[in-house]
Amino acid sequence: MNIATKPVSIDSILMADLVAQRSHAKAAGIENYQQRREHLLALKAMITENQARIIEAINQDYGNRSRHETLLAEIINACADINSTLKHLKKWMKVQKRHVDHRMYLGAKNRVIPQPLGVVGLIVP
């Protein structure tokens, strides 16, 4: 029995994933400092625990890439970026005051509240 199946395009798969991630982000709401910190620490732990598997996958992808090059270019950089983000996270999330022209807006206050804009889909070769 020969059943013709409609081929699934990569576009539809990626779009379905993006829609699912957006709906999850919307349902979860804006994360507080502690939640963001925990997620960053979990990401760092995942990278560290799977270091050998990541190195092997990149080695196969590049066709015999040096272990040390992958450590320097991928693993150490990612962990350093996470450490830097953890260090600055509170400051980046802090409400920022802005100047208001009180001659035009008597008694007004201005502030910027940093908030994530949502989910972004990146396709990186």
PDB file of N, CA and C in Angstrom:
ATOM      1  N   MET A   1       0.849  -1.178   0.000  1.00  0.00           N
ATOM      2  CA  MET A   1       0.000   0.000   0.000  1.00  0.00           C
ATOM      3  C   MET A   1       0.888   1.232   0.000  1.00  0.00           C
ATOM      4  N   ASN A   2       0.679   2.103  -0.924  1.00  0.00           N
ATOM      5  CA  ASN A   2       1.495   3.298  -1.074  1.00  0.00           C
ATOM      6  C   ASN A   2       0.652   4.522  -0.714  1.00  0.00           C
ATOM      7  N   ILE A   3       0.950   5.088   0.429  1.00  0.00           N
ATOM      8  CA  ILE A   3       0.206   6.264   0.872  1.00  0.00           C
ATOM      9  C   ILE A   3       1.089   7.484   0.648  1.00  0.00           C
ATOM     10  N   ALA A   4       0.596   8.394  -0.176  1.00  0.00           N
ATOM     11  CA  ALA A   4       1.349   9.625  -0.438  1.00  0.00           C
ATOM     12  C   ALA A   4       1.179  10.556   0.761  1.00  0.00           C
ATOM     13  N   THR A   5       2.302  11.012   1.271  1.00  0.00           N
ATOM     14  CA  THR A   5       2.239  11.942   2.406  1.00  0.00           C
ATOM     15  C   THR A   5       2.722  13.305   1.956  1.00  0.00           C
ATOM     16  N   LYS A   6       2.103  14.300   2.512  1.00  0.00           N
ATOM     17  CA  LYS A   6       2.482  15.667   2.188  1.00  0.00           C
ATOM     18  C   LYS A   6       3.781  15.997   2.922  1.00  0.00           C
ATOM     19  N   PRO A   7       4.808  16.464   2.215  1.00  0.00           N
ATOM     20  CA  PRO A   7       6.062  16.801   2.892  1.00  0.00           C
ATOM     21  C   PRO A   7       5.860  17.991   3.834  1.00  0.00           C
ATOM     22  N   VAL A   8       6.502  17.913   4.966  1.00  0.00           N
ATOM     23  CA  VAL A   8       6.424  18.983   5.947  1.00  0.00           C
ATOM     24  C   VAL A   8       7.615  19.912   5.721  1.00  0.00           C
ATOM     25  N   SER A   9       7.318  21.194   5.562  1.00  0.00           N
ATOM     26  CA  SER A   9       8.410  22.134   5.330  1.00  0.00           C
ATOM     27  C   SER A   9       9.032  22.551   6.658  1.00  0.00           C
ATOM     28  N   ILE A  10      10.303  22.885   6.612  1.00  0.00           N
ATOM     29  CA  ILE A  10      11.013  23.337   7.814  1.00  0.00           C
ATOM     30  C   ILE A  10      10.402  24.634   8.327  1.00  0.00           C
ATOM     31  N   ASP A  11       9.858  25.451   7.402  1.00  0.00           N
ATOM     32  CA  ASP A  11       9.214  26.704   7.802  1.00  0.00           C
ATOM     33  C   ASP A  11       8.052  26.444   8.757  1.00  0.00           C
ATOM     34  N   SER A  12       7.227  25.460   8.435  1.00  0.00           N
ATOM     35  CA  SER A  12       6.065  25.180   9.285  1.00  0.00           C
ATOM     36  C   SER A  12       6.486  24.616  10.634  1.00  0.00           C
ATOM     37  N   ILE A  13       7.551  23.840  10.662  1.00  0.00           N
ATOM     38  CA  ILE A  13       8.051  23.291  11.929  1.00  0.00           C
ATOM     39  C   ILE A  13       8.588  24.417  12.812  1.00  0.00           C
ATOM     40  N   LEU A  14       9.415  25.286  12.217  1.00  0.00           N
ATOM     41  CA  LEU A  14       9.981  26.406  12.979  1.00  0.00           C
ATOM     42  C   LEU A  14       8.895  27.366  13.454  1.00  0.00           C
ATOM     43  N   MET A  15       7.917  27.634  12.607  1.00  0.00           N
ATOM     44  CA  MET A  15       6.837  28.548  12.985  1.00  0.00           C
ATOM     45  C   MET A  15       6.015  27.950  14.119  1.00  0.00           C
ATOM     46  N   ALA A  16       5.762  26.650  14.076  1.00  0.00           N
ATOM     47  CA  ALA A  16       5.004  25.997  15.156  1.00  0.00           C
ATOM     48  C   ALA A  16       5.768  26.094  16.480  1.00  0.00           C
ATOM     49  N   ASP A  17       7.081  25.899  16.422  1.00  0.00           N
ATOM     50  CA  ASP A  17       7.905  26.025  17.631  1.00  0.00           C
ATOM     51  C   ASP A  17       7.876  27.450  18.169  1.00  0.00           C
ATOM     52  N   LEU A  18       7.974  28.429  17.282  1.00  0.00           N
ATOM     53  CA  LEU A  18       7.964  29.830  17.688  1.00  0.00           C
ATOM     54  C   LEU A  18       6.621  30.202  18.322  1.00  0.00           C
ATOM     55  N   VAL A  19       5.534  29.742  17.728  1.00  0.00           N
ATOM     56  CA  VAL A  19       4.203  30.014  18.277  1.00  0.00           C
ATOM     57  C   VAL A  19       4.060  29.381  19.657  1.00  0.00           C
ATOM     58  N   ALA A  20       4.553  28.156  19.820  1.00  0.00           N
ATOM     59  CA  ALA A  20       4.483  27.478  21.122  1.00  0.00           C
ATOM     60  C   ALA A  20       5.304  28.227  22.170  1.00  0.00           C
ATOM     61  N   GLN A  21       6.490  28.694  21.797  1.00  0.00           N
ATOM     62  CA  GLN A  21       7.333  29.438  22.732  1.00  0.00           C
ATOM     63  C   GLN A  21       6.691  30.774  23.107  1.00  0.00           C
ATOM     64  N   ARG A  22       6.094  31.440  22.146  1.00  0.00           N
ATOM     65  CA  ARG A  22       5.426  32.716  22.432  1.00  0.00           C
ATOM     66  C   ARG A  22       4.240  32.519  23.368  1.00  0.00           C
ATOM     67  N   SER A  23       3.445  31.477  23.142  1.00  0.00           N
ATOM     68  CA  SER A  23       2.285  31.256  24.014  1.00  0.00           C
ATOM     69  C   SER A  23       2.736  30.887  25.428  1.00  0.00           C
ATOM     70  N   HIS A  24       3.822  30.122  25.539  1.00  0.00           N
ATOM     71  CA  HIS A  24       4.352  29.787  26.872  1.00  0.00           C
ATOM     72  C   HIS A  24       4.866  31.043  27.582  1.00  0.00           C
ATOM     73  N   ALA A  25       5.589  31.891  26.867  1.00  0.00           N
ATOM     74  CA  ALA A  25       6.127  33.119  27.460  1.00  0.00           C
ATOM     75  C   ALA A  25       4.988  34.036  27.902  1.00  0.00           C
ATOM     76  N   LYS A  26       3.944  34.119  27.101  1.00  0.00           N
ATOM     77  CA  LYS A  26       2.798  34.967  27.458  1.00  0.00           C
ATOM     78  C   LYS A  26       2.091  34.423  28.696  1.00  0.00           C
ATOM     79  N   ALA A  27       1.923  33.114  28.757  1.00  0.00           N
ATOM     80  CA  ALA A  27       1.242  32.492  29.900  1.00  0.00           C
ATOM     81  C   ALA A  27       2.086  32.612  31.176  1.00  0.00           C
ATOM     82  N   ALA A  28       3.401  32.507  31.044  1.00  0.00           N
ATOM     83  CA  ALA A  28       4.290  32.556  32.214  1.00  0.00           C
ATOM     84  C   ALA A  28       4.415  33.968  32.767  1.00  0.00           C
ATOM     85  N   GLY A  29       4.269  34.970  31.919  1.00  0.00           N
ATOM     86  CA  GLY A  29       4.393  36.359  32.364  1.00  0.00           C
ATOM     87  C   GLY A  29       5.846  36.771  32.503  1.00  0.00           C
ATOM     88  N   ILE A  30       6.047  37.970  33.028  1.00  0.00           N
ATOM     89  CA  ILE A  30       7.390  38.512  33.178  1.00  0.00           C
ATOM     90  C   ILE A  30       8.050  37.890  34.404  1.00  0.00           C
ATOM     91  N   GLU A  31       9.249  37.381  34.206  1.00  0.00           N
ATOM     92  CA  GLU A  31       9.972  36.740  35.303  1.00  0.00           C
ATOM     93  C   GLU A  31      10.580  37.771  36.243  1.00  0.00           C
ATOM     94  N   ASN A  32      10.618  37.437  37.512  1.00  0.00           N
ATOM     95  CA  ASN A  32      11.288  38.306  38.477  1.00  0.00           C
ATOM     96  C   ASN A  32      12.779  37.975  38.505  1.00  0.00           C
ATOM     97  N   TYR A  33      13.514  38.701  39.320  1.00  0.00           N
ATOM     98  CA  TYR A  33      14.965  38.530  39.384  1.00  0.00           C
ATOM     99  C   TYR A  33      15.343  37.091  39.737  1.00  0.00           C
ATOM    100  N   GLN A  34      14.704  36.534  40.757  1.00  0.00           N
ATOM    101  CA  GLN A  34      15.061  35.189  41.225  1.00  0.00           C
ATOM    102  C   GLN A  34      14.833  34.141  40.142  1.00  0.00           C
ATOM    103  N   GLN A  35      13.724  34.254  39.413  1.00  0.00           N
ATOM    104  CA  GLN A  35      13.445  33.298  38.343  1.00  0.00           C
ATOM    105  C   GLN A  35      14.489  33.400  37.222  1.00  0.00           C
ATOM    106  N   ARG A  36      14.829  34.618  36.852  1.00  0.00           N
ATOM    107  CA  ARG A  36      15.843  34.801  35.802  1.00  0.00           C
ATOM    108  C   ARG A  36      17.187  34.253  36.244  1.00  0.00           C
ATOM    109  N   ARG A  37      17.534  34.515  37.491  1.00  0.00           N
ATOM    110  CA  ARG A  37      18.800  34.020  38.046  1.00  0.00           C
ATOM    111  C   ARG A  37      18.834  32.491  38.016  1.00  0.00           C
ATOM    112  N   GLU A  38      17.744  31.862  38.451  1.00  0.00           N
ATOM    113  CA  GLU A  38      17.672  30.401  38.452  1.00  0.00           C
ATOM    114  C   GLU A  38      17.793  29.828  37.045  1.00  0.00           C
ATOM    115  N   HIS A  39      17.149  30.465  36.073  1.00  0.00           N
ATOM    116  CA  HIS A  39      17.241  29.985  34.697  1.00  0.00           C
ATOM    117  C   HIS A  39      18.662  30.114  34.142  1.00  0.00           C
ATOM    118  N   LEU A  40      19.315  31.209  34.459  1.00  0.00           N
ATOM    119  CA  LEU A  40      20.702  31.387  34.004  1.00  0.00           C
ATOM    120  C   LEU A  40      21.624  30.357  34.643  1.00  0.00           C
ATOM    121  N   LEU A  41      21.445  30.114  35.931  1.00  0.00           N
ATOM    122  CA  LEU A  41      22.267  29.109  36.613  1.00  0.00           C
ATOM    123  C   LEU A  41      21.993  27.710  36.062  1.00  0.00           C
ATOM    124  N   ALA A  42      20.737  27.416  35.739  1.00  0.00           N
ATOM    125  CA  ALA A  42      20.396  26.118  35.148  1.00  0.00           C
ATOM    126  C   ALA A  42      21.022  25.966  33.765  1.00  0.00           C
ATOM    127  N   LEU A  43      21.024  27.047  32.988  1.00  0.00           N
ATOM    128  CA  LEU A  43      21.665  27.015  31.668  1.00  0.00           C
ATOM    129  C   LEU A  43      23.160  26.760  31.797  1.00  0.00           C
ATOM    130  N   LYS A  44      23.794  27.461  32.731  1.00  0.00           N
ATOM    131  CA  LYS A  44      25.229  27.272  32.948  1.00  0.00           C
ATOM    132  C   LYS A  44      25.521  25.833  33.382  1.00  0.00           C
ATOM    133  N   ALA A  45      24.698  25.283  34.275  1.00  0.00           N
ATOM    134  CA  ALA A  45      24.880  23.897  34.728  1.00  0.00           C
ATOM    135  C   ALA A  45      24.698  22.919  33.571  1.00  0.00           C
ATOM    136  N   MET A  46      23.702  23.176  32.713  1.00  0.00           N
ATOM    137  CA  MET A  46      23.469  22.303  31.568  1.00  0.00           C
ATOM    138  C   MET A  46      24.665  22.312  30.620  1.00  0.00           C
ATOM    139  N   ILE A  47      25.223  23.493  30.376  1.00  0.00           N
ATOM    140  CA  ILE A  47      26.393  23.606  29.499  1.00  0.00           C
ATOM    141  C   ILE A  47      27.577  22.865  30.120  1.00  0.00           C
ATOM    142  N   THR A  48      27.800  23.072  31.403  1.00  0.00           N
ATOM    143  CA  THR A  48      28.926  22.445  32.097  1.00  0.00           C
ATOM    144  C   THR A  48      28.782  20.927  32.145  1.00  0.00           C
ATOM    145  N   GLU A  49      27.584  20.449  32.482  1.00  0.00           N
ATOM    146  CA  GLU A  49      27.347  19.005  32.599  1.00  0.00           C
ATOM    147  C   GLU A  49      27.432  18.293  31.250  1.00  0.00           C
ATOM    148  N   ASN A  50      27.098  18.991  30.176  1.00  0.00           N
ATOM    149  CA  ASN A  50      27.087  18.379  28.841  1.00  0.00           C
ATOM    150  C   ASN A  50      28.244  18.849  27.979  1.00  0.00           C
ATOM    151  N   GLN A  51      29.277  19.340  28.619  1.00  0.00           N
ATOM    152  CA  GLN A  51      30.429  19.900  27.906  1.00  0.00           C
ATOM    153  C   GLN A  51      31.011  18.916  26.901  1.00  0.00           C
ATOM    154  N   ALA A  52      31.225  17.685  27.309  1.00  0.00           N
ATOM    155  CA  ALA A  52      31.832  16.695  26.409  1.00  0.00           C
ATOM    156  C   ALA A  52      30.923  16.419  25.210  1.00  0.00           C
ATOM    157  N   ARG A  53      29.622  16.334  25.431  1.00  0.00           N
ATOM    158  CA  ARG A  53      28.674  16.072  24.347  1.00  0.00           C
ATOM    159  C   ARG A  53      28.605  17.265  23.388  1.00  0.00           C
ATOM    160  N   ILE A  54      28.672  18.469  23.923  1.00  0.00           N
ATOM    161  CA  ILE A  54      28.656  19.666  23.078  1.00  0.00           C
ATOM    162  C   ILE A  54      29.915  19.708  22.218  1.00  0.00           C
ATOM    163  N   ILE A  55      31.047  19.432  22.833  1.00  0.00           N
ATOM    164  CA  ILE A  55      32.323  19.424  22.102  1.00  0.00           C
ATOM    165  C   ILE A  55      32.289  18.384  20.984  1.00  0.00           C
ATOM    166  N   GLU A  56      31.773  17.203  21.279  1.00  0.00           N
ATOM    167  CA  GLU A  56      31.703  16.135  20.275  1.00  0.00           C
ATOM    168  C   GLU A  56      30.767  16.519  19.127  1.00  0.00           C
ATOM    169  N   ALA A  57      29.619  17.115  19.445  1.00  0.00           N
ATOM    170  CA  ALA A  57      28.662  17.516  18.405  1.00  0.00           C
ATOM    171  C   ALA A  57      29.269  18.590  17.493  1.00  0.00           C
ATOM    172  N   ILE A  58      29.953  19.559  18.096  1.00  0.00           N
ATOM    173  CA  ILE A  58      30.589  20.613  17.290  1.00  0.00           C
ATOM    174  C   ILE A  58      31.733  20.032  16.467  1.00  0.00           C
ATOM    175  N   ASN A  59      32.470  19.097  17.045  1.00  0.00           N
ATOM    176  CA  ASN A  59      33.555  18.424  16.324  1.00  0.00           C
ATOM    177  C   ASN A  59      33.010  17.723  15.081  1.00  0.00           C
ATOM    178  N   GLN A  60      31.896  17.017  15.222  1.00  0.00           N
ATOM    179  CA  GLN A  60      31.291  16.336  14.076  1.00  0.00           C
ATOM    180  C   GLN A  60      30.757  17.342  13.057  1.00  0.00           C
ATOM    181  N   ASP A  61      30.168  18.430  13.554  1.00  0.00           N
ATOM    182  CA  ASP A  61      29.594  19.435  12.668  1.00  0.00           C
ATOM    183  C   ASP A  61      30.676  20.117  11.832  1.00  0.00           C
ATOM    184  N   TYR A  62      31.793  20.441  12.464  1.00  0.00           N
ATOM    185  CA  TYR A  62      32.886  21.129  11.766  1.00  0.00           C
ATOM    186  C   TYR A  62      33.815  20.160  11.038  1.00  0.00           C
ATOM    187  N   GLY A  63      33.702  18.890  11.316  1.00  0.00           N
ATOM    188  CA  GLY A  63      34.571  17.919  10.673  1.00  0.00           C
ATOM    189  C   GLY A  63      35.961  17.920  11.274  1.00  0.00           C
ATOM    190  N   ASN A  64      36.061  17.637  12.557  1.00  0.00           N
ATOM    191  CA  ASN A  64      37.321  17.517  13.289  1.00  0.00           C
ATOM    192  C   ASN A  64      37.845  18.865  13.793  1.00  0.00           C
ATOM    193  N   ARG A  65      37.049  19.530  14.565  1.00  0.00           N
ATOM    194  CA  ARG A  65      37.448  20.790  15.200  1.00  0.00           C
ATOM    195  C   ARG A  65      38.152  20.479  16.511  1.00  0.00           C
ATOM    196  N   SER A  66      39.162  21.243  16.809  1.00  0.00           N
ATOM    197  CA  SER A  66      39.938  21.056  18.028  1.00  0.00           C
ATOM    198  C   SER A  66      39.070  21.204  19.270  1.00  0.00           C
ATOM    199  N   ARG A  67      39.257  20.315  20.218  1.00  0.00           N
ATOM    200  CA  ARG A  67      38.536  20.354  21.499  1.00  0.00           C
ATOM    201  C   ARG A  67      38.807  21.676  22.213  1.00  0.00           C
ATOM    202  N   HIS A  68      40.057  22.098  22.193  1.00  0.00           N
ATOM    203  CA  HIS A  68      40.452  23.331  22.881  1.00  0.00           C
ATOM    204  C   HIS A  68      39.828  24.568  22.223  1.00  0.00           C
ATOM    205  N   GLU A  69      39.737  24.546  20.905  1.00  0.00           N
ATOM    206  CA  GLU A  69      39.106  25.664  20.201  1.00  0.00           C
ATOM    207  C   GLU A  69      37.633  25.774  20.582  1.00  0.00           C
ATOM    208  N   THR A  70      36.957  24.639  20.655  1.00  0.00           N
ATOM    209  CA  THR A  70      35.547  24.641  21.057  1.00  0.00           C
ATOM    210  C   THR A  70      35.397  25.106  22.498  1.00  0.00           C
ATOM    211  N   LEU A  71      36.284  24.665  23.364  1.00  0.00           N
ATOM    212  CA  LEU A  71      36.238  25.113  24.760  1.00  0.00           C
ATOM    213  C   LEU A  71      36.359  26.634  24.840  1.00  0.00           C
ATOM    214  N   LEU A  72      37.326  27.181  24.136  1.00  0.00           N
ATOM    215  CA  LEU A  72      37.558  28.622  24.182  1.00  0.00           C
ATOM    216  C   LEU A  72      36.450  29.414  23.483  1.00  0.00           C
ATOM    217  N   ALA A  73      36.047  28.967  22.307  1.00  0.00           N
ATOM    218  CA  ALA A  73      35.105  29.742  21.502  1.00  0.00           C
ATOM    219  C   ALA A  73      33.655  29.574  21.938  1.00  0.00           C
ATOM    220  N   GLU A  74      33.312  28.435  22.494  1.00  0.00           N
ATOM    221  CA  GLU A  74      31.908  28.164  22.799  1.00  0.00           C
ATOM    222  C   GLU A  74      31.633  28.035  24.299  1.00  0.00           C
ATOM    223  N   ILE A  75      32.250  27.069  24.934  1.00  0.00           N
ATOM    224  CA  ILE A  75      31.917  26.727  26.330  1.00  0.00           C
ATOM    225  C   ILE A  75      32.322  27.853  27.290  1.00  0.00           C
ATOM    226  N   ILE A  76      33.574  28.243  27.254  1.00  0.00           N
ATOM    227  CA  ILE A  76      34.069  29.261  28.189  1.00  0.00           C
ATOM    228  C   ILE A  76      33.384  30.602  27.933  1.00  0.00           C
ATOM    229  N   ASN A  77      33.196  30.977  26.662  1.00  0.00           N
ATOM    230  CA  ASN A  77      32.518  32.237  26.336  1.00  0.00           C
ATOM    231  C   ASN A  77      31.082  32.254  26.837  1.00  0.00           C
ATOM    232  N   ALA A  78      30.363  31.161  26.624  1.00  0.00           N
ATOM    233  CA  ALA A  78      28.964  31.104  27.067  1.00  0.00           C
ATOM    234  C   ALA A  78      28.878  31.224  28.588  1.00  0.00           C
ATOM    235  N   CYS A  79      29.734  30.497  29.299  1.00  0.00           N
ATOM    236  CA  CYS A  79      29.720  30.556  30.763  1.00  0.00           C
ATOM    237  C   CYS A  79      30.145  31.937  31.277  1.00  0.00           C
ATOM    238  N   ALA A  80      31.100  32.561  30.611  1.00  0.00           N
ATOM    239  CA  ALA A  80      31.529  33.908  31.000  1.00  0.00           C
ATOM    240  C   ALA A  80      30.405  34.920  30.771  1.00  0.00           C
ATOM    241  N   ASP A  81      29.676  34.780  29.668  1.00  0.00           N
ATOM    242  CA  ASP A  81      28.537  35.667  29.405  1.00  0.00           C
ATOM    243  C   ASP A  81      27.447  35.485  30.456  1.00  0.00           C
ATOM    244  N   ILE A  82      27.203  34.256  30.859  1.00  0.00           N
ATOM    245  CA  ILE A  82      26.203  33.997  31.904  1.00  0.00           C
ATOM    246  C   ILE A  82      26.657  34.627  33.214  1.00  0.00           C
ATOM    247  N   ASN A  83      27.937  34.469  33.566  1.00  0.00           N
ATOM    248  CA  ASN A  83      28.466  35.078  34.798  1.00  0.00           C
ATOM    249  C   ASN A  83      28.327  36.599  34.758  1.00  0.00           C
ATOM    250  N   SER A  84      28.632  37.197  33.620  1.00  0.00           N
ATOM    251  CA  SER A  84      28.518  38.642  33.471  1.00  0.00           C
ATOM    252  C   SER A  84      27.060  39.088  33.609  1.00  0.00           C
ATOM    253  N   THR A  85      26.156  38.345  32.997  1.00  0.00           N
ATOM    254  CA  THR A  85      24.734  38.673  33.091  1.00  0.00           C
ATOM    255  C   THR A  85      24.249  38.567  34.531  1.00  0.00           C
ATOM    256  N   LEU A  86      24.679  37.519  35.236  1.00  0.00           N
ATOM    257  CA  LEU A  86      24.299  37.368  36.650  1.00  0.00           C
ATOM    258  C   LEU A  86      24.803  38.545  37.478  1.00  0.00           C
ATOM    259  N   LYS A  87      25.994  39.006  37.173  1.00  0.00           N
ATOM    260  CA  LYS A  87      26.598  40.118  37.910  1.00  0.00           C
ATOM    261  C   LYS A  87      25.814  41.412  37.711  1.00  0.00           C
ATOM    262  N   HIS A  88      25.315  41.648  36.507  1.00  0.00           N
ATOM    263  CA  HIS A  88      24.665  42.915  36.167  1.00  0.00           C
ATOM    264  C   HIS A  88      23.131  42.851  36.180  1.00  0.00           C
ATOM    265  N   LEU A  89      22.565  41.689  36.393  1.00  0.00           N
ATOM    266  CA  LEU A  89      21.132  41.487  36.216  1.00  0.00           C
ATOM    267  C   LEU A  89      20.278  42.433  37.061  1.00  0.00           C
ATOM    268  N   LYS A  90      20.587  42.569  38.335  1.00  0.00           N
ATOM    269  CA  LYS A  90      19.792  43.457  39.201  1.00  0.00           C
ATOM    270  C   LYS A  90      19.791  44.889  38.666  1.00  0.00           C
ATOM    271  N   LYS A  91      20.964  45.359  38.269  1.00  0.00           N
ATOM    272  CA  LYS A  91      21.075  46.724  37.749  1.00  0.00           C
ATOM    273  C   LYS A  91      20.279  46.873  36.453  1.00  0.00           C
ATOM    274  N   TRP A  92      20.359  45.870  35.572  1.00  0.00           N
ATOM    275  CA  TRP A  92      19.657  45.933  34.300  1.00  0.00           C
ATOM    276  C   TRP A  92      18.142  45.918  34.493  1.00  0.00           C
ATOM    277  N   MET A  93      17.668  45.290  35.574  1.00  0.00           N
ATOM    278  CA  MET A  93      16.232  45.191  35.829  1.00  0.00           C
ATOM    279  C   MET A  93      15.692  46.374  36.629  1.00  0.00           C
ATOM    280  N   LYS A  94      16.561  47.201  37.145  1.00  0.00           N
ATOM    281  CA  LYS A  94      16.171  48.302  38.021  1.00  0.00           C
ATOM    282  C   LYS A  94      15.403  49.384  37.245  1.00  0.00           C
ATOM    283  N   VAL A  95      14.373  49.926  37.896  1.00  0.00           N
ATOM    284  CA  VAL A  95      13.616  51.033  37.314  1.00  0.00           C
ATOM    285  C   VAL A  95      14.531  52.247  37.202  1.00  0.00           C
ATOM    286  N   GLN A  96      14.477  52.929  36.059  1.00  0.00           N
ATOM    287  CA  GLN A  96      15.359  54.069  35.798  1.00  0.00           C
ATOM    288  C   GLN A  96      14.541  55.355  35.738  1.00  0.00           C
ATOM    289  N   LYS A  97      15.003  56.362  36.451  1.00  0.00           N
ATOM    290  CA  LYS A  97      14.331  57.661  36.427  1.00  0.00           C
ATOM    291  C   LYS A  97      14.775  58.432  35.191  1.00  0.00           C
ATOM    292  N   ARG A  98      13.849  59.242  34.645  1.00  0.00           N
ATOM    293  CA  ARG A  98      14.141  60.090  33.497  1.00  0.00           C
ATOM    294  C   ARG A  98      13.699  61.520  33.797  1.00  0.00           C
ATOM    295  N   HIS A  99      14.360  62.451  33.151  1.00  0.00           N
ATOM    296  CA  HIS A  99      14.068  63.870  33.348  1.00  0.00           C
ATOM    297  C   HIS A  99      12.678  64.217  32.800  1.00  0.00           C
ATOM    298  N   VAL A 100      11.991  65.109  33.520  1.00  0.00           N
ATOM    299  CA  VAL A 100      10.704  65.634  33.079  1.00  0.00           C
ATOM    300  C   VAL A 100      10.790  67.153  33.091  1.00  0.00           C
ATOM    301  N   ASP A 101      10.304  67.777  32.051  1.00  0.00           N
ATOM    302  CA  ASP A 101      10.245  69.240  32.006  1.00  0.00           C
ATOM    303  C   ASP A 101       9.071  69.686  32.876  1.00  0.00           C
ATOM    304  N   HIS A 102       9.372  70.121  34.116  1.00  0.00           N
ATOM    305  CA  HIS A 102       8.320  70.474  35.071  1.00  0.00           C
ATOM    306  C   HIS A 102       7.597  71.768  34.701  1.00  0.00           C
ATOM    307  N   ARG A 103       8.154  72.552  33.795  1.00  0.00           N
ATOM    308  CA  ARG A 103       7.435  73.744  33.333  1.00  0.00           C
ATOM    309  C   ARG A 103       6.216  73.350  32.511  1.00  0.00           C
ATOM    310  N   MET A 104       6.334  72.232  31.787  1.00  0.00           N
ATOM    311  CA  MET A 104       5.217  71.772  30.952  1.00  0.00           C
ATOM    312  C   MET A 104       4.362  70.729  31.663  1.00  0.00           C
ATOM    313  N   TYR A 105       4.999  69.927  32.509  1.00  0.00           N
ATOM    314  CA  TYR A 105       4.295  68.815  33.158  1.00  0.00           C
ATOM    315  C   TYR A 105       4.509  68.900  34.669  1.00  0.00           C
ATOM    316  N   LEU A 106       3.908  69.862  35.301  1.00  0.00           N
ATOM    317  CA  LEU A 106       4.072  70.108  36.721  1.00  0.00           C
ATOM    318  C   LEU A 106       3.654  68.874  37.529  1.00  0.00           C
ATOM    319  N   GLY A 107       4.566  68.406  38.376  1.00  0.00           N
ATOM    320  CA  GLY A 107       4.286  67.271  39.252  1.00  0.00           C
ATOM    321  C   GLY A 107       4.445  65.907  38.594  1.00  0.00           C
ATOM    322  N   ALA A 108       4.822  65.875  37.318  1.00  0.00           N
ATOM    323  CA  ALA A 108       4.943  64.596  36.613  1.00  0.00           C
ATOM    324  C   ALA A 108       6.252  63.896  36.972  1.00  0.00           C
ATOM    325  N   LYS A 109       6.246  62.580  36.843  1.00  0.00           N
ATOM    326  CA  LYS A 109       7.450  61.765  37.032  1.00  0.00           C
ATOM    327  C   LYS A 109       7.592  60.866  35.809  1.00  0.00           C
ATOM    328  N   ASN A 110       8.814  60.624  35.443  1.00  0.00           N
ATOM    329  CA  ASN A 110       9.124  59.770  34.303  1.00  0.00           C
ATOM    330  C   ASN A 110      10.002  58.627  34.763  1.00  0.00           C
ATOM    331  N   ARG A 111       9.752  57.445  34.251  1.00  0.00           N
ATOM    332  CA  ARG A 111      10.617  56.311  34.564  1.00  0.00           C
ATOM    333  C   ARG A 111      10.544  55.283  33.448  1.00  0.00           C
ATOM    334  N   VAL A 112      11.603  54.517  33.340  1.00  0.00           N
ATOM    335  CA  VAL A 112      11.669  53.425  32.381  1.00  0.00           C
ATOM    336  C   VAL A 112      11.726  52.132  33.188  1.00  0.00           C
ATOM    337  N   ILE A 113      10.825  51.226  32.871  1.00  0.00           N
ATOM    338  CA  ILE A 113      10.791  49.929  33.549  1.00  0.00           C
ATOM    339  C   ILE A 113      11.237  48.885  32.531  1.00  0.00           C
ATOM    340  N   PRO A 114      12.468  48.384  32.657  1.00  0.00           N
ATOM    341  CA  PRO A 114      12.955  47.381  31.691  1.00  0.00           C
ATOM    342  C   PRO A 114      12.112  46.107  31.750  1.00  0.00           C
ATOM    343  N   GLN A 115      11.620  45.702  30.594  1.00  0.00           N
ATOM    344  CA  GLN A 115      10.811  44.495  30.492  1.00  0.00           C
ATOM    345  C   GLN A 115      11.171  43.774  29.201  1.00  0.00           C
ATOM    346  N   PRO A 116      11.116  42.452  29.220  1.00  0.00           N
ATOM    347  CA  PRO A 116      11.383  41.714  27.984  1.00  0.00           C
ATOM    348  C   PRO A 116      10.295  42.010  26.952  1.00  0.00           C
ATOM    349  N   LEU A 117      10.688  42.039  25.699  1.00  0.00           N
ATOM    350  CA  LEU A 117       9.744  42.335  24.629  1.00  0.00           C
ATOM    351  C   LEU A 117       9.036  41.087  24.126  1.00  0.00           C
ATOM    352  N   GLY A 118       9.584  39.914  24.403  1.00  0.00           N
ATOM    353  CA  GLY A 118       8.944  38.685  23.967  1.00  0.00           C
ATOM    354  C   GLY A 118       9.950  37.690  23.437  1.00  0.00           C
ATOM    355  N   VAL A 119       9.439  36.763  22.664  1.00  0.00           N
ATOM    356  CA  VAL A 119      10.240  35.671  22.103  1.00  0.00           C
ATOM    357  C   VAL A 119      10.670  36.052  20.695  1.00  0.00           C
ATOM    358  N   VAL A 120      11.926  35.766  20.382  1.00  0.00           N
ATOM    359  CA  VAL A 120      12.472  36.043  19.068  1.00  0.00           C
ATOM    360  C   VAL A 120      13.005  34.737  18.487  1.00  0.00           C
ATOM    361  N   GLY A 121      12.706  34.486  17.238  1.00  0.00           N
ATOM    362  CA  GLY A 121      13.229  33.293  16.579  1.00  0.00           C
ATOM    363  C   GLY A 121      14.491  33.615  15.810  1.00  0.00           C
ATOM    364  N   LEU A 122      15.580  32.937  16.132  1.00  0.00           N
ATOM    365  CA  LEU A 122      16.851  33.137  15.433  1.00  0.00           C
ATOM    366  C   LEU A 122      17.220  31.857  14.689  1.00  0.00           C
ATOM    367  N   ILE A 123      17.623  32.013  13.464  1.00  0.00           N
ATOM    368  CA  ILE A 123      18.123  30.878  12.699  1.00  0.00           C
ATOM    369  C   ILE A 123      19.581  31.167  12.396  1.00  0.00           C
ATOM    370  N   VAL A 124      20.453  30.388  13.005  1.00  0.00           N
ATOM    371  CA  VAL A 124      21.883  30.631  12.907  1.00  0.00           C
ATOM    372  C   VAL A 124      22.541  29.420  12.250  1.00  0.00           C
ATOM    373  N   PRO A 125      23.336  29.659  11.215  1.00  0.00           N
ATOM    374  CA  PRO A 125      24.001  28.526  10.562  1.00  0.00           C
ATOM    375  C   PRO A 125      25.097  27.955  11.430  1.00  0.00           C
TER     376      PRO A 125
END
